[in-house]
Amino acid sequence: MTITLEVNLRVPNVTVNGPDEAVRRITNSESRFWKVMDVAALPKVGDDLELSTRGHTFRAIVKRVDWHDDKGRFVMACHYAKRSMSAGMYEDLRADPNWTMRSLIPTA
């Protein structure tokens, strides 16, 4: 039996520097990446979870698991397991159609 859940992924800030451009910093404190996925068993807080984009596989740490009645499924808050993320990995995550980037700041 599989369980459908929603992943709410927090990623670190990313520094982008190319040979022909100035160094710039992408701040991710006000946004999260979301994905709906099926798992064999419900992860617990502190578990190491393997996630992926079309081009990368990466680890995340489960920080919180909550049931949402309005969605009819669990929502799992995770943090990217490493302290930093490469610009290529970040762009791959943003471009992947299975992941959606959402702002935490409500728009008017």
N, C-alpha and C. Protein backbone atom coordinates (compact mmCIF):
# COMPACT_ATOMS: atom_id res chain seq x y z
N MET A 1 0.84 -1.18 0.00
CA MET A 1 0.00 0.00 0.00
C MET A 1 0.89 1.25 0.00
N THR A 2 0.55 2.20 -0.83
CA THR A 2 1.32 3.44 -0.88
C THR A 2 0.53 4.57 -0.22
N ILE A 3 1.27 5.54 0.25
CA ILE A 3 0.69 6.72 0.88
C ILE A 3 1.06 7.93 0.03
N THR A 4 0.07 8.70 -0.38
CA THR A 4 0.32 9.93 -1.12
C THR A 4 0.50 11.06 -0.12
N LEU A 5 1.59 11.79 -0.27
CA LEU A 5 1.84 12.93 0.61
C LEU A 5 2.42 14.08 -0.18
N GLU A 6 2.42 15.22 0.46
CA GLU A 6 2.95 16.44 -0.15
C GLU A 6 4.26 16.79 0.56
N VAL A 7 5.30 17.04 -0.22
CA VAL A 7 6.59 17.41 0.33
C VAL A 7 6.73 18.93 0.26
N ASN A 8 7.10 19.53 1.38
CA ASN A 8 7.36 20.96 1.49
C ASN A 8 8.85 21.06 1.80
N LEU A 9 9.65 21.41 0.79
CA LEU A 9 11.11 21.37 0.90
C LEU A 9 11.72 22.75 1.06
N ARG A 10 12.50 22.92 2.12
CA ARG A 10 13.28 24.15 2.32
C ARG A 10 14.69 23.90 1.80
N VAL A 11 15.15 24.80 0.96
CA VAL A 11 16.51 24.67 0.41
C VAL A 11 17.36 25.84 0.89
N PRO A 12 18.68 25.65 0.94
CA PRO A 12 19.56 26.73 1.39
C PRO A 12 19.66 27.85 0.35
N ASN A 13 20.20 28.97 0.76
CA ASN A 13 20.49 30.04 -0.18
C ASN A 13 21.57 29.57 -1.15
N VAL A 14 21.55 30.12 -2.35
CA VAL A 14 22.47 29.67 -3.40
C VAL A 14 23.28 30.86 -3.90
N THR A 15 24.59 30.65 -4.04
CA THR A 15 25.46 31.67 -4.60
C THR A 15 25.77 31.27 -6.05
N VAL A 16 25.51 32.21 -6.95
CA VAL A 16 25.73 31.98 -8.37
C VAL A 16 26.84 32.91 -8.83
N ASN A 17 27.86 32.32 -9.38
CA ASN A 17 28.94 33.14 -9.95
C ASN A 17 29.44 32.47 -11.22
N GLY A 18 29.42 33.23 -12.29
CA GLY A 18 29.88 32.75 -13.57
C GLY A 18 31.07 33.55 -14.03
N PRO A 19 31.73 33.09 -15.05
CA PRO A 19 32.92 33.80 -15.53
C PRO A 19 32.62 35.19 -16.09
N ASP A 20 31.41 35.39 -16.61
CA ASP A 20 31.07 36.67 -17.22
C ASP A 20 30.03 37.46 -16.46
N GLU A 21 29.75 37.07 -15.20
CA GLU A 21 28.75 37.80 -14.44
C GLU A 21 29.21 38.00 -13.00
N ALA A 22 28.61 38.97 -12.37
CA ALA A 22 28.94 39.26 -10.97
C ALA A 22 28.33 38.18 -10.07
N VAL A 23 28.91 38.01 -8.91
CA VAL A 23 28.39 37.05 -7.95
C VAL A 23 27.03 37.53 -7.44
N ARG A 24 26.06 36.65 -7.43
CA ARG A 24 24.75 37.02 -6.89
C ARG A 24 24.27 35.90 -5.98
N ARG A 25 23.45 36.29 -5.03
CA ARG A 25 22.95 35.35 -4.02
C ARG A 25 21.45 35.20 -4.16
N ILE A 26 20.98 33.97 -4.24
CA ILE A 26 19.55 33.68 -4.30
C ILE A 26 19.12 33.29 -2.88
N THR A 27 18.25 34.09 -2.31
CA THR A 27 17.77 33.85 -0.95
C THR A 27 16.48 33.05 -1.01
N ASN A 28 16.46 31.92 -0.32
CA ASN A 28 15.30 31.03 -0.36
C ASN A 28 14.53 30.98 0.97
N SER A 29 14.79 31.92 1.86
CA SER A 29 14.13 31.88 3.16
C SER A 29 12.63 32.15 3.08
N GLU A 30 12.18 32.78 2.02
CA GLU A 30 10.76 33.12 1.89
C GLU A 30 10.04 32.28 0.84
N SER A 31 10.63 31.14 0.47
CA SER A 31 9.98 30.27 -0.51
C SER A 31 10.26 28.80 -0.18
N ARG A 32 9.41 27.93 -0.69
CA ARG A 32 9.56 26.48 -0.52
C ARG A 32 9.24 25.80 -1.85
N PHE A 33 9.76 24.61 -1.99
CA PHE A 33 9.47 23.79 -3.15
C PHE A 33 8.50 22.69 -2.73
N TRP A 34 7.50 22.43 -3.56
CA TRP A 34 6.44 21.48 -3.24
C TRP A 34 6.38 20.39 -4.30
N LYS A 35 6.04 19.20 -3.84
CA LYS A 35 5.88 18.07 -4.75
C LYS A 35 4.93 17.06 -4.10
N VAL A 36 4.04 16.47 -4.88
CA VAL A 36 3.18 15.39 -4.40
C VAL A 36 3.85 14.09 -4.84
N MET A 37 3.97 13.14 -3.88
CA MET A 37 4.62 11.88 -4.20
C MET A 37 4.00 10.75 -3.40
N ASP A 38 4.25 9.53 -3.84
CA ASP A 38 3.80 8.33 -3.14
C ASP A 38 4.99 7.69 -2.44
N VAL A 39 4.76 7.22 -1.22
CA VAL A 39 5.79 6.53 -0.44
C VAL A 39 5.21 5.22 0.07
N ALA A 40 6.09 4.26 0.35
CA ALA A 40 5.66 2.96 0.86
C ALA A 40 5.23 3.03 2.32
N ALA A 41 5.91 3.89 3.09
CA ALA A 41 5.59 4.05 4.51
C ALA A 41 5.76 5.52 4.88
N LEU A 42 4.96 5.97 5.82
CA LEU A 42 5.02 7.37 6.24
C LEU A 42 6.32 7.63 6.99
N PRO A 43 7.17 8.55 6.50
CA PRO A 43 8.42 8.87 7.21
C PRO A 43 8.15 9.53 8.56
N LYS A 44 9.11 9.38 9.46
CA LYS A 44 9.02 10.00 10.79
C LYS A 44 9.95 11.20 10.83
N VAL A 45 9.72 12.08 11.78
CA VAL A 45 10.58 13.24 11.99
C VAL A 45 12.00 12.73 12.24
N GLY A 46 12.96 13.34 11.54
CA GLY A 46 14.37 12.95 11.67
C GLY A 46 14.82 11.96 10.62
N ASP A 47 13.89 11.35 9.89
CA ASP A 47 14.26 10.39 8.85
C ASP A 47 14.96 11.08 7.70
N ASP A 48 15.84 10.34 7.07
CA ASP A 48 16.55 10.77 5.87
C ASP A 48 15.73 10.30 4.68
N LEU A 49 15.36 11.20 3.80
CA LEU A 49 14.48 10.89 2.68
C LEU A 49 15.19 11.16 1.37
N GLU A 50 15.10 10.24 0.43
CA GLU A 50 15.70 10.45 -0.88
C GLU A 50 14.66 11.07 -1.81
N LEU A 51 15.00 12.22 -2.36
CA LEU A 51 14.14 12.94 -3.30
C LEU A 51 14.89 13.10 -4.61
N SER A 52 14.19 13.51 -5.66
CA SER A 52 14.88 13.67 -6.94
C SER A 52 14.21 14.70 -7.83
N THR A 53 15.01 15.16 -8.75
CA THR A 53 14.53 15.95 -9.89
C THR A 53 14.80 15.08 -11.10
N ARG A 54 14.57 15.57 -12.26
CA ARG A 54 14.86 14.76 -13.45
C ARG A 54 16.34 14.54 -13.66
N GLY A 55 17.18 15.43 -13.11
CA GLY A 55 18.61 15.30 -13.34
C GLY A 55 19.45 15.00 -12.10
N HIS A 56 18.86 15.08 -10.91
CA HIS A 56 19.63 14.89 -9.67
C HIS A 56 18.82 14.07 -8.66
N THR A 57 19.54 13.36 -7.83
CA THR A 57 18.97 12.72 -6.64
C THR A 57 19.62 13.38 -5.44
N PHE A 58 18.84 13.67 -4.41
CA PHE A 58 19.39 14.35 -3.24
C PHE A 58 18.68 13.88 -1.99
N ARG A 59 19.24 14.21 -0.84
CA ARG A 59 18.70 13.81 0.45
C ARG A 59 18.06 15.02 1.14
N ALA A 60 17.03 14.71 1.91
CA ALA A 60 16.36 15.72 2.74
C ALA A 60 16.07 15.10 4.10
N ILE A 61 16.00 15.93 5.11
CA ILE A 61 15.70 15.49 6.47
C ILE A 61 14.27 15.90 6.80
N VAL A 62 13.47 14.94 7.25
CA VAL A 62 12.08 15.21 7.62
C VAL A 62 12.06 15.99 8.93
N LYS A 63 11.42 17.15 8.92
CA LYS A 63 11.34 18.00 10.10
C LYS A 63 9.96 17.97 10.76
N ARG A 64 8.93 17.67 9.96
CA ARG A 64 7.56 17.70 10.51
C ARG A 64 6.65 16.94 9.55
N VAL A 65 5.67 16.22 10.11
CA VAL A 65 4.66 15.53 9.31
C VAL A 65 3.31 15.85 9.92
N ASP A 66 2.41 16.42 9.12
CA ASP A 66 1.09 16.81 9.59
C ASP A 66 0.02 16.31 8.64
N TRP A 67 -1.12 15.93 9.18
CA TRP A 67 -2.28 15.57 8.37
C TRP A 67 -3.07 16.84 8.08
N HIS A 68 -3.46 17.04 6.82
CA HIS A 68 -4.28 18.19 6.42
C HIS A 68 -5.62 17.67 5.92
N ASP A 69 -6.68 17.94 6.70
CA ASP A 69 -8.02 17.48 6.32
C ASP A 69 -8.46 18.05 4.98
N ASP A 70 -8.16 19.34 4.75
CA ASP A 70 -8.61 19.98 3.51
C ASP A 70 -7.96 19.36 2.27
N LYS A 71 -6.76 18.83 2.40
CA LYS A 71 -6.06 18.21 1.27
C LYS A 71 -6.28 16.69 1.23
N GLY A 72 -6.66 16.13 2.36
CA GLY A 72 -6.87 14.69 2.44
C GLY A 72 -5.58 13.90 2.38
N ARG A 73 -4.49 14.50 2.85
CA ARG A 73 -3.19 13.80 2.84
C ARG A 73 -2.24 14.45 3.83
N PHE A 74 -1.12 13.76 4.03
CA PHE A 74 -0.08 14.27 4.90
C PHE A 74 0.77 15.30 4.16
N VAL A 75 1.24 16.31 4.90
CA VAL A 75 2.20 17.28 4.37
C VAL A 75 3.45 17.12 5.22
N MET A 76 4.57 16.90 4.53
CA MET A 76 5.83 16.62 5.19
C MET A 76 6.80 17.78 4.93
N ALA A 77 7.19 18.47 6.00
CA ALA A 77 8.16 19.57 5.90
C ALA A 77 9.56 18.97 5.99
N CYS A 78 10.41 19.30 5.02
CA CYS A 78 11.78 18.76 4.96
C CYS A 78 12.77 19.90 4.73
N HIS A 79 14.01 19.64 5.12
CA HIS A 79 15.13 20.54 4.82
C HIS A 79 16.10 19.79 3.93
N TYR A 80 16.64 20.48 2.95
CA TYR A 80 17.71 19.92 2.13
C TYR A 80 18.82 19.48 3.07
N ALA A 81 19.35 18.28 2.90
CA ALA A 81 20.26 17.68 3.88
C ALA A 81 21.62 18.36 3.98
N LYS A 82 22.10 18.93 2.89
CA LYS A 82 23.42 19.57 2.92
C LYS A 82 23.30 21.04 3.27
N ARG A 83 24.41 21.62 3.69
CA ARG A 83 24.41 23.05 4.07
C ARG A 83 24.37 23.97 2.86
N SER A 84 24.82 23.48 1.71
CA SER A 84 24.81 24.31 0.51
C SER A 84 24.30 23.51 -0.68
N MET A 85 23.89 24.24 -1.70
CA MET A 85 23.35 23.64 -2.92
C MET A 85 24.03 24.30 -4.10
N SER A 86 24.41 23.50 -5.07
CA SER A 86 25.05 24.07 -6.26
C SER A 86 24.02 24.82 -7.10
N ALA A 87 24.50 25.77 -7.88
CA ALA A 87 23.61 26.54 -8.75
C ALA A 87 22.94 25.63 -9.77
N GLY A 88 23.67 24.62 -10.25
CA GLY A 88 23.11 23.68 -11.22
C GLY A 88 21.98 22.85 -10.62
N MET A 89 22.16 22.40 -9.40
CA MET A 89 21.12 21.63 -8.72
C MET A 89 19.90 22.50 -8.47
N TYR A 90 20.11 23.75 -8.07
CA TYR A 90 19.01 24.69 -7.83
C TYR A 90 18.22 24.94 -9.12
N GLU A 91 18.91 25.16 -10.21
CA GLU A 91 18.22 25.40 -11.49
C GLU A 91 17.47 24.16 -11.95
N ASP A 92 18.04 22.99 -11.69
CA ASP A 92 17.37 21.74 -12.04
C ASP A 92 16.08 21.58 -11.22
N LEU A 93 16.12 21.94 -9.95
CA LEU A 93 14.95 21.88 -9.09
C LEU A 93 13.88 22.85 -9.57
N ARG A 94 14.28 24.06 -9.91
CA ARG A 94 13.33 25.07 -10.40
C ARG A 94 12.70 24.68 -11.74
N ALA A 95 13.47 24.01 -12.59
CA ALA A 95 12.99 23.67 -13.93
C ALA A 95 12.17 22.38 -13.96
N ASP A 96 12.27 21.57 -12.93
CA ASP A 96 11.58 20.28 -12.92
C ASP A 96 10.07 20.50 -12.81
N PRO A 97 9.28 19.93 -13.74
CA PRO A 97 7.82 20.15 -13.71
C PRO A 97 7.12 19.47 -12.53
N ASN A 98 7.78 18.53 -11.86
CA ASN A 98 7.18 17.86 -10.70
C ASN A 98 7.31 18.68 -9.42
N TRP A 99 8.17 19.68 -9.42
CA TRP A 99 8.37 20.55 -8.26
C TRP A 99 7.79 21.93 -8.56
N THR A 100 7.13 22.53 -7.58
CA THR A 100 6.56 23.87 -7.71
C THR A 100 7.17 24.75 -6.64
N MET A 101 7.65 25.91 -7.02
CA MET A 101 8.18 26.87 -6.07
C MET A 101 7.05 27.80 -5.63
N ARG A 102 6.87 27.92 -4.30
CA ARG A 102 5.80 28.77 -3.76
C ARG A 102 6.40 29.75 -2.75
N SER A 103 5.89 30.95 -2.79
CA SER A 103 6.31 31.99 -1.85
C SER A 103 5.57 31.80 -0.53
N LEU A 104 6.27 32.06 0.57
CA LEU A 104 5.64 32.02 1.89
C LEU A 104 4.96 33.34 2.21
N ILE A 105 5.28 34.38 1.44
CA ILE A 105 4.72 35.71 1.65
C ILE A 105 3.44 35.82 0.81
N PRO A 106 2.30 36.05 1.47
CA PRO A 106 1.06 36.18 0.70
C PRO A 106 1.09 37.41 -0.20
N THR A 107 0.56 37.27 -1.39
CA THR A 107 0.48 38.40 -2.30
C THR A 107 -0.89 39.06 -2.17
N ALA A 108 -0.90 40.35 -2.39
CA ALA A 108 -2.16 41.12 -2.24
C ALA A 108 -3.07 40.94 -3.40
